Amino acid sequence: MDKSTFIALLALIFIGGGIYNYSHNRQVIGPKDTAVIEQAIQAPEVVSDVTTSTVSSTDASSTVATEVVLPHIVTYTNAGFSSSSLTIKKGETVTFENKSTRKMWVASSKHPTHRDYPGSDIKKCGTESASTIFDACKGFAPGESWSFTFNEVGTWKYHDHLSPKNFGSITVE
């Protein structure tokens, strides 16, 4: 075999191996994941309490899972809550960010008792139980945020205690 044939053969092997490796190690993003990625683009702020979505890829010998970490953020503006309806998984955290020009006080519905979410009650504000209820128990100034971890399955309505006409819901699956 002459030198140029040998070099051409090596080049073909190298290119073929690269194509095989590329085609078997790509991550595939499905339609469900596209919605999650679009949500991340709309809310690019990163917080410590986040949710995960799994994107999988396969190679010849195994399946590899890669986590895409995205936050659940509800923004409060002068027009109210956005997104006013959100679906999450049990144990996930939602951060409520105040981007309005006034204070906001996120609390479980109904106004003024705040008892819709199990165990919540405005009477528990200022007690040892305050950290476990779906109630911020105070107003948060513009630029501040408040987070709550949802451990109960169901659809939970909430409102701004300082402006009860502003409301939303969290569905926990």
Protein backbone atom coordinates (compact mmCIF):
# COMPACT_ATOMS: atom_id res chain seq x y z
CA MET A 1 0.00 0.00 0.00
CA ASP A 2 1.45 3.37 -0.96
CA LYS A 3 1.72 6.35 1.40
CA SER A 4 -1.15 8.46 -0.10
CA THR A 5 -3.60 5.51 0.07
CA PHE A 6 -2.61 4.89 3.69
CA ILE A 7 -3.17 8.57 4.60
CA ALA A 8 -6.54 8.60 2.81
CA LEU A 9 -7.59 5.44 4.69
CA LEU A 10 -6.59 6.97 8.04
CA ALA A 11 -8.51 10.17 7.21
CA LEU A 12 -11.65 8.16 6.39
CA ILE A 13 -11.38 6.22 9.66
CA PHE A 14 -10.89 9.43 11.63
CA ILE A 15 -13.84 11.20 9.96
CA GLY A 16 -16.08 8.13 10.30
CA GLY A 17 -15.24 7.83 14.01
CA GLY A 18 -16.02 11.51 14.54
CA ILE A 19 -19.38 11.19 12.79
CA TYR A 20 -20.25 8.08 14.83
CA ASN A 21 -19.26 9.77 18.10
CA TYR A 22 -21.23 12.94 17.27
CA SER A 23 -24.39 11.09 16.24
CA HIS A 24 -24.40 8.87 19.36
CA ASN A 25 -23.61 11.50 21.99
CA ARG A 26 -26.03 14.31 21.10
CA GLN A 27 -28.65 15.45 23.59
CA VAL A 28 -32.17 15.27 22.26
CA ILE A 29 -34.62 17.92 23.43
CA GLY A 30 -38.27 17.00 23.05
CA PRO A 31 -41.41 19.17 22.87
CA LYS A 32 -41.99 18.96 26.64
CA ASP A 33 -38.50 20.29 27.31
CA THR A 34 -38.96 23.14 24.81
CA ALA A 35 -41.67 24.67 27.02
CA VAL A 36 -39.38 24.45 30.05
CA ILE A 37 -36.55 26.12 28.13
CA GLU A 38 -38.91 28.88 26.94
CA GLN A 39 -39.90 29.49 30.57
CA ALA A 40 -36.22 29.86 31.51
CA ILE A 41 -35.71 32.42 28.74
CA GLN A 42 -38.66 34.45 30.04
CA ALA A 43 -37.35 34.29 33.62
CA PRO A 44 -33.54 34.25 33.37
CA GLU A 45 -32.90 35.11 37.00
CA VAL A 46 -31.27 32.24 38.86
CA VAL A 47 -32.26 31.56 42.46
CA SER A 48 -31.09 28.95 44.92
CA ASP A 49 -34.50 27.21 44.99
CA VAL A 50 -34.95 25.64 41.57
CA THR A 51 -36.71 22.86 39.74
CA THR A 52 -35.17 20.32 37.42
CA SER A 53 -36.10 18.79 34.11
CA THR A 54 -34.27 15.77 32.69
CA VAL A 55 -33.01 15.68 29.12
CA SER A 56 -31.66 12.28 28.01
CA SER A 57 -29.24 11.11 25.35
CA THR A 58 -28.03 7.62 24.51
CA ASP A 59 -24.84 6.12 23.22
CA ALA A 60 -24.04 2.57 22.16
CA SER A 61 -23.68 1.24 25.70
CA SER A 62 -25.74 3.33 28.14
CA THR A 63 -28.22 6.12 28.78
CA VAL A 64 -26.91 9.39 30.21
CA ALA A 65 -29.25 11.88 31.94
CA THR A 66 -28.42 15.57 32.10
CA GLU A 67 -30.34 17.93 34.40
CA VAL A 68 -31.48 21.33 33.18
CA VAL A 69 -32.00 23.55 36.24
CA LEU A 70 -34.75 26.16 35.97
CA PRO A 71 -36.39 28.33 38.64
CA HIS A 72 -40.14 28.71 39.27
CA ILE A 73 -40.62 32.48 39.45
CA VAL A 74 -43.84 34.45 39.74
CA THR A 75 -43.36 38.16 39.12
CA TYR A 76 -45.54 40.74 40.84
CA THR A 77 -46.04 43.99 38.89
CA ASN A 78 -48.43 46.93 39.25
CA ALA A 79 -50.84 44.90 37.08
CA GLY A 80 -50.74 41.86 39.42
CA PHE A 81 -49.10 38.43 39.33
CA SER A 82 -47.44 37.06 36.18
CA SER A 83 -47.68 34.13 35.61
CA SER A 84 -50.87 33.96 37.63
CA SER A 85 -51.22 30.20 37.05
CA LEU A 86 -48.32 27.79 37.50
CA THR A 87 -47.98 23.98 37.66
CA ILE A 88 -45.12 22.44 39.67
CA LYS A 89 -44.18 19.14 41.31
CA LYS A 90 -44.59 18.37 45.02
CA GLY A 91 -41.55 19.60 46.96
CA GLU A 92 -40.65 22.35 44.49
CA THR A 93 -40.19 25.98 45.46
CA VAL A 94 -41.76 29.06 43.91
CA THR A 95 -40.16 32.49 44.29
CA PHE A 96 -42.42 35.53 44.20
CA GLU A 97 -40.49 38.60 43.01
CA ASN A 98 -41.80 42.10 43.63
CA LYS A 99 -41.20 44.20 40.51
CA SER A 100 -44.01 46.64 41.27
CA THR A 101 -43.80 50.11 42.80
CA ARG A 102 -45.49 49.08 46.06
CA LYS A 103 -45.19 46.39 48.72
CA MET A 104 -46.66 42.91 48.12
CA TRP A 105 -47.72 40.31 50.69
CA VAL A 106 -48.18 36.87 49.14
CA ALA A 107 -50.60 34.67 51.06
CA SER A 108 -52.84 31.67 50.60
CA SER A 109 -56.44 32.52 49.77
CA LYS A 110 -59.04 33.33 51.01
CA HIS A 111 -58.63 36.91 52.09
CA PRO A 112 -58.30 37.77 54.94
CA THR A 113 -57.93 34.39 56.73
CA HIS A 114 -55.32 32.76 54.42
CA ARG A 115 -56.51 29.20 55.12
CA ASP A 116 -56.73 27.64 51.59
CA TYR A 117 -53.30 25.92 51.77
CA PRO A 118 -53.30 23.13 54.42
CA GLY A 119 -52.08 24.36 57.80
CA SER A 120 -52.02 28.01 56.74
CA ASP A 121 -53.77 30.71 58.74
CA ILE A 122 -52.96 34.41 59.14
CA LYS A 123 -53.19 33.84 62.91
CA LYS A 124 -49.96 31.78 62.66
CA CYS A 125 -47.95 34.81 61.46
CA GLY A 126 -45.49 35.79 64.18
CA THR A 127 -45.51 32.28 65.70
CA GLU A 128 -43.07 29.36 65.45
CA SER A 129 -45.32 27.92 62.69
CA ALA A 130 -44.93 30.98 60.43
CA SER A 131 -42.15 29.40 58.32
CA THR A 132 -44.36 26.41 57.41
CA ILE A 133 -47.41 28.29 56.13
CA PHE A 134 -48.14 29.66 52.64
CA ASP A 135 -48.09 33.24 53.89
CA ALA A 136 -45.27 35.76 53.69
CA CYS A 137 -46.71 37.31 56.88
CA LYS A 138 -45.46 40.75 55.86
CA GLY A 139 -45.15 43.05 52.88
CA PHE A 140 -42.07 42.88 50.66
CA ALA A 141 -40.76 46.09 49.11
CA PRO A 142 -40.10 46.55 45.39
CA GLY A 143 -37.02 44.52 44.43
CA GLU A 144 -37.47 42.00 47.24
CA SER A 145 -38.74 38.41 46.93
CA TRP A 146 -40.24 35.63 49.02
CA SER A 147 -40.08 31.86 48.41
CA PHE A 148 -42.28 28.97 49.48
CA THR A 149 -41.85 25.20 49.05
CA PHE A 150 -45.10 23.40 48.21
CA ASN A 151 -45.38 19.99 49.89
CA GLU A 152 -49.13 19.47 49.46
CA VAL A 153 -50.67 18.18 46.21
CA GLY A 154 -53.60 20.22 44.88
CA THR A 155 -54.45 23.59 43.38
CA TRP A 156 -53.70 26.41 45.79
CA LYS A 157 -55.03 29.91 45.23
CA TYR A 158 -53.13 32.91 46.53
CA HIS A 159 -53.46 36.69 46.61
CA ASP A 160 -51.68 39.88 47.59
CA HIS A 161 -52.96 40.60 51.09
CA LEU A 162 -52.25 44.31 50.57
CA SER A 163 -54.18 44.37 47.27
CA PRO A 164 -56.60 41.37 47.37
CA LYS A 165 -57.85 41.95 43.81
CA ASN A 166 -54.49 40.55 42.63
CA PHE A 167 -54.48 36.74 42.80
CA GLY A 168 -53.22 33.55 41.17
CA SER A 169 -52.94 29.78 41.65
CA ILE A 170 -50.28 27.12 41.99
CA THR A 171 -51.11 23.54 40.96
CA VAL A 172 -48.92 20.99 42.72
CA GLU A 173 -48.75 17.53 41.14
